[in-house]
């Protein structure tokens, strides 16, 4: 419980003490939006790395060479833990927002930082509003901002299983003309969810796979691109689990 309390206190202090910084970021954005984007990402990434350190997470990041550098991308990953966002943001080389659930837009101060890094808030229960968010996502990637989405729609609560990937999540890549980067996350629930409410030290693996270009897929595969990408992530997930978490020499 001590780690959880320390992280909670740190997060509250970070948000409160960042209020003057948010004002400075707002002023910078009026004159130099690109500088604001870069500084906001750097500040949020730093804050998340501090949380990672406080939680005692050892992070192994693989496949960074697979991330295209000449275009925005749609990162698509499996979702098992609250820590998935904390651990992935600093891995992205460019400005990257998340497609988050609408409830996150109600959290004071945090929502301002999320907007600063181009996060979008999705109402999955309202089809019309959800479509507006997807169209906004298309606009964002066309403008050069990458996005990350967890197309299972919610945190999966069972280890080593996967919820169906919602096909609508991939419209951002298809209509925006950007590649999908499969992102496999292994063992993130070992930090918190597997022993709630305690936060424990754990090794987490994040792997970026070969980009998938929707326009290059055949018609049938493109129609079921959610299943196609899900299968890629599933296969890689169990490969990584066997490599890092089941051999005698691997970390517990």
C-alpha atoms as a PDB file:
ATOM      1  CA  UNK A   1       0.000   0.000   0.000  1.00  0.00           C
ATOM      2  CA  UNK A   2       2.943   2.346   0.640  1.00  0.00           C
ATOM      3  CA  UNK A   3       3.830   2.572  -3.065  1.00  0.00           C
ATOM      4  CA  UNK A   4       0.220   3.329  -3.976  1.00  0.00           C
ATOM      5  CA  UNK A   5       0.013   6.092  -1.366  1.00  0.00           C
ATOM      6  CA  UNK A   6       3.305   7.614  -2.508  1.00  0.00           C
ATOM      7  CA  UNK A   7       2.191   7.551  -6.152  1.00  0.00           C
ATOM      8  CA  UNK A   8      -1.172   9.097  -5.257  1.00  0.00           C
ATOM      9  CA  UNK A   9       0.485  11.912  -3.277  1.00  0.00           C
ATOM     10  CA  UNK A  10       2.971  12.501  -6.090  1.00  0.00           C
ATOM     11  CA  UNK A  11       0.186  12.689  -8.691  1.00  0.00           C
ATOM     12  CA  UNK A  12      -1.845  15.181  -6.642  1.00  0.00           C
ATOM     13  CA  UNK A  13       1.217  17.375  -6.046  1.00  0.00           C
ATOM     14  CA  UNK A  14       2.212  17.173  -9.701  1.00  0.00           C
ATOM     15  CA  UNK A  15      -1.209  18.312 -10.862  1.00  0.00           C
ATOM     16  CA  UNK A  16      -1.485  21.137  -8.341  1.00  0.00           C
ATOM     17  CA  UNK A  17       2.055  22.420  -8.817  1.00  0.00           C
ATOM     18  CA  UNK A  18       1.696  22.234 -12.581  1.00  0.00           C
ATOM     19  CA  UNK A  19      -1.041  24.867 -12.693  1.00  0.00           C
ATOM     20  CA  UNK A  20       1.425  27.745 -13.308  1.00  0.00           C
ATOM     21  CA  UNK A  21       3.118  25.595 -15.943  1.00  0.00           C
ATOM     22  CA  UNK A  22      -0.212  25.060 -17.687  1.00  0.00           C
ATOM     23  CA  UNK A  23      -0.648  28.817 -17.827  1.00  0.00           C
ATOM     24  CA  UNK A  24       2.820  29.184 -19.320  1.00  0.00           C
ATOM     25  CA  UNK A  25       2.014  26.439 -21.841  1.00  0.00           C
ATOM     26  CA  UNK A  26      -1.177  28.261 -22.821  1.00  0.00           C
ATOM     27  CA  UNK A  27       0.768  31.465 -23.451  1.00  0.00           C
ATOM     28  CA  UNK A  28       3.440  29.599 -25.448  1.00  0.00           C
ATOM     29  CA  UNK A  29       0.706  27.992 -27.526  1.00  0.00           C
ATOM     30  CA  UNK A  30      -0.584  31.402 -28.586  1.00  0.00           C
ATOM     31  CA  UNK A  31       2.746  32.219 -30.216  1.00  0.00           C
ATOM     32  CA  UNK A  32       4.354  28.855 -30.969  1.00  0.00           C
ATOM     33  CA  UNK A  33       1.961  25.852 -30.998  1.00  0.00           C
ATOM     34  CA  UNK A  34       4.690  23.418 -32.044  1.00  0.00           C
ATOM     35  CA  UNK A  35       6.853  24.385 -29.075  1.00  0.00           C
ATOM     36  CA  UNK A  36       3.861  23.921 -26.797  1.00  0.00           C
ATOM     37  CA  UNK A  37       3.268  20.430 -28.223  1.00  0.00           C
ATOM     38  CA  UNK A  38       6.888  19.402 -27.622  1.00  0.00           C
ATOM     39  CA  UNK A  39       7.131  20.885 -24.133  1.00  0.00           C
ATOM     40  CA  UNK A  40       3.798  19.402 -23.043  1.00  0.00           C
ATOM     41  CA  UNK A  41       4.803  15.935 -24.199  1.00  0.00           C
ATOM     42  CA  UNK A  42       8.173  16.276 -22.457  1.00  0.00           C
ATOM     43  CA  UNK A  43       6.577  17.374 -19.182  1.00  0.00           C
ATOM     44  CA  UNK A  44       3.894  14.679 -19.161  1.00  0.00           C
ATOM     45  CA  UNK A  45       6.431  12.006 -20.180  1.00  0.00           C
ATOM     46  CA  UNK A  46       8.704  13.111 -17.324  1.00  0.00           C
ATOM     47  CA  UNK A  47       5.824  12.904 -14.874  1.00  0.00           C
ATOM     48  CA  UNK A  48       4.911   9.416 -16.068  1.00  0.00           C
ATOM     49  CA  UNK A  49       8.544   8.259 -15.843  1.00  0.00           C
ATOM     50  CA  UNK A  50       8.577   9.411 -12.216  1.00  0.00           C
ATOM     51  CA  UNK A  51       5.472   7.311 -11.543  1.00  0.00           C
ATOM     52  CA  UNK A  52       7.152   4.367 -13.277  1.00  0.00           C
ATOM     53  CA  UNK A  53      10.171   4.799 -10.987  1.00  0.00           C
ATOM     54  CA  UNK A  54       8.023   5.087  -7.852  1.00  0.00           C
ATOM     55  CA  UNK A  55       6.146   1.932  -8.845  1.00  0.00           C
ATOM     56  CA  UNK A  56       9.406   0.042  -9.304  1.00  0.00           C
ATOM     57  CA  UNK A  57       8.693  -0.922 -12.920  1.00  0.00           C
ATOM     58  CA  UNK A  58      11.492  -2.299 -15.063  1.00  0.00           C
ATOM     59  CA  UNK A  59      10.481  -1.486 -18.623  1.00  0.00           C
ATOM     60  CA  UNK A  60      11.751  -3.413 -21.643  1.00  0.00           C
ATOM     61  CA  UNK A  61      10.959  -1.700 -24.942  1.00  0.00           C
ATOM     62  CA  UNK A  62      11.386  -3.587 -28.219  1.00  0.00           C
ATOM     63  CA  UNK A  63      10.825  -2.793 -31.897  1.00  0.00           C
ATOM     64  CA  UNK A  64      11.295   0.990 -31.810  1.00  0.00           C
ATOM     65  CA  UNK A  65      12.913   0.693 -35.223  1.00  0.00           C
ATOM     66  CA  UNK A  66       9.519  -0.376 -36.592  1.00  0.00           C
ATOM     67  CA  UNK A  67       7.937   3.000 -35.851  1.00  0.00           C
ATOM     68  CA  UNK A  68       7.816   5.114 -39.038  1.00  0.00           C
ATOM     69  CA  UNK A  69       9.543   8.473 -38.691  1.00  0.00           C
ATOM     70  CA  UNK A  70       8.090  10.160 -41.758  1.00  0.00           C
ATOM     71  CA  UNK A  71       4.391   9.997 -40.889  1.00  0.00           C
ATOM     72  CA  UNK A  72       1.922  10.014 -38.044  1.00  0.00           C
ATOM     73  CA  UNK A  73       0.759   6.549 -36.975  1.00  0.00           C
ATOM     74  CA  UNK A  74      -2.073   4.876 -35.097  1.00  0.00           C
ATOM     75  CA  UNK A  75      -0.680   2.793 -32.249  1.00  0.00           C
ATOM     76  CA  UNK A  76      -3.018  -0.098 -31.427  1.00  0.00           C
ATOM     77  CA  UNK A  77      -2.457  -2.139 -28.289  1.00  0.00           C
ATOM     78  CA  UNK A  78      -3.933  -4.648 -25.879  1.00  0.00           C
ATOM     79  CA  UNK A  79      -5.146  -3.113 -22.625  1.00  0.00           C
ATOM     80  CA  UNK A  80      -4.819  -4.764 -19.236  1.00  0.00           C
ATOM     81  CA  UNK A  81      -3.757  -2.054 -16.793  1.00  0.00           C
ATOM     82  CA  UNK A  82      -4.143   1.571 -15.714  1.00  0.00           C
ATOM     83  CA  UNK A  83      -0.364   1.693 -16.115  1.00  0.00           C
ATOM     84  CA  UNK A  84      -0.524   1.046 -19.879  1.00  0.00           C
ATOM     85  CA  UNK A  85      -0.745   4.772 -20.622  1.00  0.00           C
ATOM     86  CA  UNK A  86       1.832   5.704 -17.981  1.00  0.00           C
ATOM     87  CA  UNK A  87       4.356   3.274 -19.453  1.00  0.00           C
ATOM     88  CA  UNK A  88       3.779   3.799 -23.168  1.00  0.00           C
ATOM     89  CA  UNK A  89       3.765   7.592 -23.617  1.00  0.00           C
ATOM     90  CA  UNK A  90       7.498   8.125 -23.223  1.00  0.00           C
ATOM     91  CA  UNK A  91       8.129   5.328 -25.756  1.00  0.00           C
ATOM     92  CA  UNK A  92       6.521   7.307 -28.580  1.00  0.00           C
ATOM     93  CA  UNK A  93       9.060   9.352 -30.575  1.00  0.00           C
ATOM     94  CA  UNK A  94       6.544  11.991 -31.713  1.00  0.00           C
ATOM     95  CA  UNK A  95       3.622  13.931 -30.259  1.00  0.00           C
ATOM     96  CA  UNK A  96       1.035  11.256 -29.498  1.00  0.00           C
ATOM     97  CA  UNK A  97      -2.383  11.546 -27.926  1.00  0.00           C
ATOM     98  CA  UNK A  98      -4.618   8.797 -26.607  1.00  0.00           C
ATOM     99  CA  UNK A  99      -8.200   8.031 -27.482  1.00  0.00           C
ATOM    100  CA  UNK A 100      -9.493   7.898 -23.921  1.00  0.00           C
ATOM    101  CA  UNK A 101     -12.897   7.242 -22.416  1.00  0.00           C
ATOM    102  CA  UNK A 102     -15.063  10.333 -21.972  1.00  0.00           C
ATOM    103  CA  UNK A 103     -14.933  10.086 -18.159  1.00  0.00           C
ATOM    104  CA  UNK A 104     -11.294  11.208 -18.240  1.00  0.00           C
ATOM    105  CA  UNK A 105     -12.465  14.569 -19.532  1.00  0.00           C
ATOM    106  CA  UNK A 106     -14.078  15.199 -16.140  1.00  0.00           C
ATOM    107  CA  UNK A 107     -10.853  14.976 -14.111  1.00  0.00           C
ATOM    108  CA  UNK A 108      -9.704  18.496 -13.182  1.00  0.00           C
ATOM    109  CA  UNK A 109      -6.227  19.619 -14.330  1.00  0.00           C
ATOM    110  CA  UNK A 110      -5.417  16.163 -15.741  1.00  0.00           C
ATOM    111  CA  UNK A 111      -7.817  16.780 -18.622  1.00  0.00           C
ATOM    112  CA  UNK A 112      -5.917  19.980 -19.479  1.00  0.00           C
ATOM    113  CA  UNK A 113      -2.637  18.090 -19.799  1.00  0.00           C
ATOM    114  CA  UNK A 114      -4.391  15.411 -21.846  1.00  0.00           C
ATOM    115  CA  UNK A 115      -5.715  18.028 -24.242  1.00  0.00           C
ATOM    116  CA  UNK A 116      -2.236  19.553 -24.474  1.00  0.00           C
ATOM    117  CA  UNK A 117      -0.849  16.273 -25.836  1.00  0.00           C
ATOM    118  CA  UNK A 118      -3.785  15.902 -28.264  1.00  0.00           C
ATOM    119  CA  UNK A 119      -5.818  13.268 -26.428  1.00  0.00           C
ATOM    120  CA  UNK A 120      -9.379  12.682 -27.592  1.00  0.00           C
ATOM    121  CA  UNK A 121     -12.317  11.666 -25.411  1.00  0.00           C
ATOM    122  CA  UNK A 122     -14.583   8.944 -26.795  1.00  0.00           C
ATOM    123  CA  UNK A 123     -18.186   8.326 -25.829  1.00  0.00           C
ATOM    124  CA  UNK A 124     -18.643   4.659 -26.717  1.00  0.00           C
ATOM    125  CA  UNK A 125     -22.325   4.706 -25.744  1.00  0.00           C
ATOM    126  CA  UNK A 126     -23.277   7.540 -28.086  1.00  0.00           C
ATOM    127  CA  UNK A 127     -22.762   6.555 -31.715  1.00  0.00           C
ATOM    128  CA  UNK A 128     -23.089  10.103 -33.033  1.00  0.00           C
ATOM    129  CA  UNK A 129     -20.588  11.551 -30.549  1.00  0.00           C
ATOM    130  CA  UNK A 130     -18.271   8.584 -31.057  1.00  0.00           C
ATOM    131  CA  UNK A 131     -18.250   9.240 -34.791  1.00  0.00           C
ATOM    132  CA  UNK A 132     -17.346  12.878 -34.157  1.00  0.00           C
ATOM    133  CA  UNK A 133     -14.363  11.737 -32.096  1.00  0.00           C
ATOM    134  CA  UNK A 134     -13.204   9.340 -34.815  1.00  0.00           C
ATOM    135  CA  UNK A 135     -13.440  12.139 -37.404  1.00  0.00           C
ATOM    136  CA  UNK A 136     -11.447  14.383 -35.080  1.00  0.00           C
ATOM    137  CA  UNK A 137      -8.867  11.608 -34.861  1.00  0.00           C
ATOM    138  CA  UNK A 138      -8.684  11.485 -38.664  1.00  0.00           C
ATOM    139  CA  UNK A 139      -8.039  15.219 -38.671  1.00  0.00           C
ATOM    140  CA  UNK A 140      -5.317  14.860 -36.028  1.00  0.00           C
ATOM    141  CA  UNK A 141      -3.319  12.206 -37.905  1.00  0.00           C
ATOM    142  CA  UNK A 142      -3.662  14.131 -41.155  1.00  0.00           C
ATOM    143  CA  UNK A 143      -2.110  17.072 -39.327  1.00  0.00           C
ATOM    144  CA  UNK A 144       0.838  14.912 -38.304  1.00  0.00           C
ATOM    145  CA  UNK A 145      -0.149  13.953 -34.742  1.00  0.00           C
ATOM    146  CA  UNK A 146      -0.016  10.272 -33.870  1.00  0.00           C
ATOM    147  CA  UNK A 147      -2.714   8.636 -31.752  1.00  0.00           C
ATOM    148  CA  UNK A 148      -2.824   5.575 -29.526  1.00  0.00           C
ATOM    149  CA  UNK A 149      -5.983   3.556 -29.038  1.00  0.00           C
ATOM    150  CA  UNK A 150      -6.866   0.396 -27.121  1.00  0.00           C
ATOM    151  CA  UNK A 151      -9.565  -1.116 -29.370  1.00  0.00           C
ATOM    152  CA  UNK A 152     -10.752  -3.665 -26.814  1.00  0.00           C
ATOM    153  CA  UNK A 153     -12.760  -0.714 -25.530  1.00  0.00           C
ATOM    154  CA  UNK A 154     -11.997  -1.302 -21.855  1.00  0.00           C
ATOM    155  CA  UNK A 155      -9.374  -2.909 -19.656  1.00  0.00           C
ATOM    156  CA  UNK A 156      -9.377  -6.669 -20.022  1.00  0.00           C
ATOM    157  CA  UNK A 157      -9.632  -8.133 -16.530  1.00  0.00           C
ATOM    158  CA  UNK A 158      -8.314 -11.635 -17.325  1.00  0.00           C
ATOM    159  CA  UNK A 159      -4.630 -12.282 -17.916  1.00  0.00           C
ATOM    160  CA  UNK A 160      -3.541 -13.921 -21.183  1.00  0.00           C
ATOM    161  CA  UNK A 161      -6.881 -13.239 -22.881  1.00  0.00           C
ATOM    162  CA  UNK A 162      -8.032 -10.613 -25.376  1.00  0.00           C
ATOM    163  CA  UNK A 163     -11.350  -8.901 -25.906  1.00  0.00           C
ATOM    164  CA  UNK A 164     -12.486  -8.369 -29.517  1.00  0.00           C
ATOM    165  CA  UNK A 165     -10.932  -5.352 -31.227  1.00  0.00           C
ATOM    166  CA  UNK A 166     -13.595  -2.873 -32.321  1.00  0.00           C
ATOM    167  CA  UNK A 167     -13.335  -2.344 -36.074  1.00  0.00           C
ATOM    168  CA  UNK A 168     -14.343   1.319 -35.780  1.00  0.00           C
ATOM    169  CA  UNK A 169     -11.099   2.075 -33.955  1.00  0.00           C
ATOM    170  CA  UNK A 170      -9.192   1.532 -37.187  1.00  0.00           C
ATOM    171  CA  UNK A 171     -11.147   4.100 -39.195  1.00  0.00           C
ATOM    172  CA  UNK A 172      -8.684   6.722 -37.979  1.00  0.00           C
ATOM    173  CA  UNK A 173      -5.865   4.964 -39.820  1.00  0.00           C
ATOM    174  CA  UNK A 174      -7.920   4.028 -42.882  1.00  0.00           C
ATOM    175  CA  UNK A 175      -9.443   7.462 -43.483  1.00  0.00           C
ATOM    176  CA  UNK A 176      -6.377   9.322 -42.260  1.00  0.00           C
ATOM    177  CA  UNK A 177      -4.044   7.416 -44.574  1.00  0.00           C
ATOM    178  CA  UNK A 178      -1.581   6.423 -41.840  1.00  0.00           C
ATOM    179  CA  UNK A 179      -0.140   3.037 -40.827  1.00  0.00           C
ATOM    180  CA  UNK A 180      -1.227   1.001 -37.823  1.00  0.00           C
ATOM    181  CA  UNK A 181       1.586   0.037 -35.455  1.00  0.00           C
ATOM    182  CA  UNK A 182       0.672  -3.063 -33.396  1.00  0.00           C
ATOM    183  CA  UNK A 183       1.759  -2.501 -29.785  1.00  0.00           C
ATOM    184  CA  UNK A 184       1.994  -5.553 -27.556  1.00  0.00           C
ATOM    185  CA  UNK A 185       2.054  -4.986 -23.794  1.00  0.00           C
ATOM    186  CA  UNK A 186       2.987  -7.892 -21.544  1.00  0.00           C
ATOM    187  CA  UNK A 187       2.696  -8.129 -17.749  1.00  0.00           C
ATOM    188  CA  UNK A 188       1.473  -4.576 -17.013  1.00  0.00           C
ATOM    189  CA  UNK A 189      -1.257  -5.903 -14.700  1.00  0.00           C
ATOM    190  CA  UNK A 190       1.474  -7.286 -12.449  1.00  0.00           C
ATOM    191  CA  UNK A 191       2.144  -3.717 -11.327  1.00  0.00           C
ATOM    192  CA  UNK A 192      -1.293  -3.095  -9.817  1.00  0.00           C
ATOM    193  CA  UNK A 193      -4.376  -4.989 -11.006  1.00  0.00           C
ATOM    194  CA  UNK A 194      -3.144  -8.496 -10.146  1.00  0.00           C
ATOM    195  CA  UNK A 195      -2.906  -7.591  -6.451  1.00  0.00           C
ATOM    196  CA  UNK A 196      -5.180  -4.565  -6.044  1.00  0.00           C
ATOM    197  CA  UNK A 197      -4.841  -2.292  -4.080  1.00  0.00           C
ATOM    198  CA  UNK A 198      -1.090  -2.853  -3.805  1.00  0.00           C
ATOM    199  CA  UNK A 199       1.493  -1.572  -6.284  1.00  0.00           C
ATOM    200  CA  UNK A 200       4.424  -3.961  -6.672  1.00  0.00           C
ATOM    201  CA  UNK A 201       7.685  -4.069  -8.590  1.00  0.00           C
ATOM    202  CA  UNK A 202       7.347  -5.770 -11.957  1.00  0.00           C
ATOM    203  CA  UNK A 203       8.970  -6.151 -15.344  1.00  0.00           C
ATOM    204  CA  UNK A 204       6.808  -4.977 -18.251  1.00  0.00           C
ATOM    205  CA  UNK A 205       7.535  -5.542 -21.945  1.00  0.00           C
ATOM    206  CA  UNK A 206       6.297  -3.213 -24.686  1.00  0.00           C
ATOM    207  CA  UNK A 207       6.871  -4.330 -28.260  1.00  0.00           C
ATOM    208  CA  UNK A 208       6.211  -2.328 -31.426  1.00  0.00           C
ATOM    209  CA  UNK A 209       5.490  -4.550 -34.403  1.00  0.00           C
ATOM    210  CA  UNK A 210       5.844  -4.083 -38.137  1.00  0.00           C
ATOM    211  CA  UNK A 211       3.474  -1.357 -39.389  1.00  0.00           C
ATOM    212  CA  UNK A 212       0.262  -2.425 -41.087  1.00  0.00           C
ATOM    213  CA  UNK A 213      -0.807  -0.260 -44.030  1.00  0.00           C
ATOM    214  CA  UNK A 214      -4.596  -0.628 -44.427  1.00  0.00           C
ATOM    215  CA  UNK A 215      -4.569   0.382 -48.100  1.00  0.00           C
ATOM    216  CA  UNK A 216      -2.195  -2.488 -48.895  1.00  0.00           C
ATOM    217  CA  UNK A 217      -4.432  -5.176 -47.399  1.00  0.00           C
ATOM    218  CA  UNK A 218      -6.801  -7.184 -49.551  1.00  0.00           C
ATOM    219  CA  UNK A 219     -10.488  -6.319 -49.331  1.00  0.00           C
ATOM    220  CA  UNK A 220     -11.502  -9.116 -46.946  1.00  0.00           C
ATOM    221  CA  UNK A 221      -8.578  -8.538 -44.577  1.00  0.00           C
ATOM    222  CA  UNK A 222      -9.181  -4.820 -44.583  1.00  0.00           C
ATOM    223  CA  UNK A 223     -12.832  -5.380 -43.727  1.00  0.00           C
ATOM    224  CA  UNK A 224     -11.751  -7.389 -40.676  1.00  0.00           C
ATOM    225  CA  UNK A 225      -8.640  -5.397 -39.844  1.00  0.00           C
ATOM    226  CA  UNK A 226      -9.467  -5.482 -36.129  1.00  0.00           C
ATOM    227  CA  UNK A 227      -9.206  -9.257 -36.059  1.00  0.00           C
ATOM    228  CA  UNK A 228      -6.103  -9.142 -38.273  1.00  0.00           C
ATOM    229  CA  UNK A 229      -4.210  -6.794 -35.936  1.00  0.00           C
ATOM    230  CA  UNK A 230      -5.528  -8.569 -32.854  1.00  0.00           C
ATOM    231  CA  UNK A 231      -4.072 -11.851 -34.131  1.00  0.00           C
ATOM    232  CA  UNK A 232      -0.694 -10.166 -34.674  1.00  0.00           C
ATOM    233  CA  UNK A 233      -0.676  -8.862 -31.104  1.00  0.00           C
ATOM    234  CA  UNK A 234      -1.864 -12.181 -29.638  1.00  0.00           C
ATOM    235  CA  UNK A 235       0.897 -14.135 -31.362  1.00  0.00           C
ATOM    236  CA  UNK A 236       3.563 -11.686 -30.263  1.00  0.00           C
ATOM    237  CA  UNK A 237       2.155 -11.555 -26.728  1.00  0.00           C
ATOM    238  CA  UNK A 238       2.667 -15.251 -26.113  1.00  0.00           C
ATOM    239  CA  UNK A 239       6.112 -15.184 -27.751  1.00  0.00           C
ATOM    240  CA  UNK A 240       7.206 -12.420 -25.402  1.00  0.00           C
ATOM    241  CA  UNK A 241       5.593 -14.054 -22.375  1.00  0.00           C
ATOM    242  CA  UNK A 242       7.505 -17.271 -23.032  1.00  0.00           C
ATOM    243  CA  UNK A 243      10.774 -15.408 -23.617  1.00  0.00           C
ATOM    244  CA  UNK A 244      10.673 -13.058 -20.637  1.00  0.00           C
ATOM    245  CA  UNK A 245       8.411 -14.620 -18.039  1.00  0.00           C
ATOM    246  CA  UNK A 246       8.560 -18.416 -18.291  1.00  0.00           C
ATOM    247  CA  UNK A 247      12.213 -19.342 -18.592  1.00  0.00           C
ATOM    248  CA  UNK A 248      14.211 -20.036 -15.408  1.00  0.00           C
ATOM    249  CA  UNK A 249      16.533 -17.134 -16.096  1.00  0.00           C
ATOM    250  CA  UNK A 250      13.778 -14.565 -16.664  1.00  0.00           C
ATOM    251  CA  UNK A 251      12.550 -12.102 -14.009  1.00  0.00           C
ATOM    252  CA  UNK A 252       9.636 -13.054 -11.801  1.00  0.00           C
END
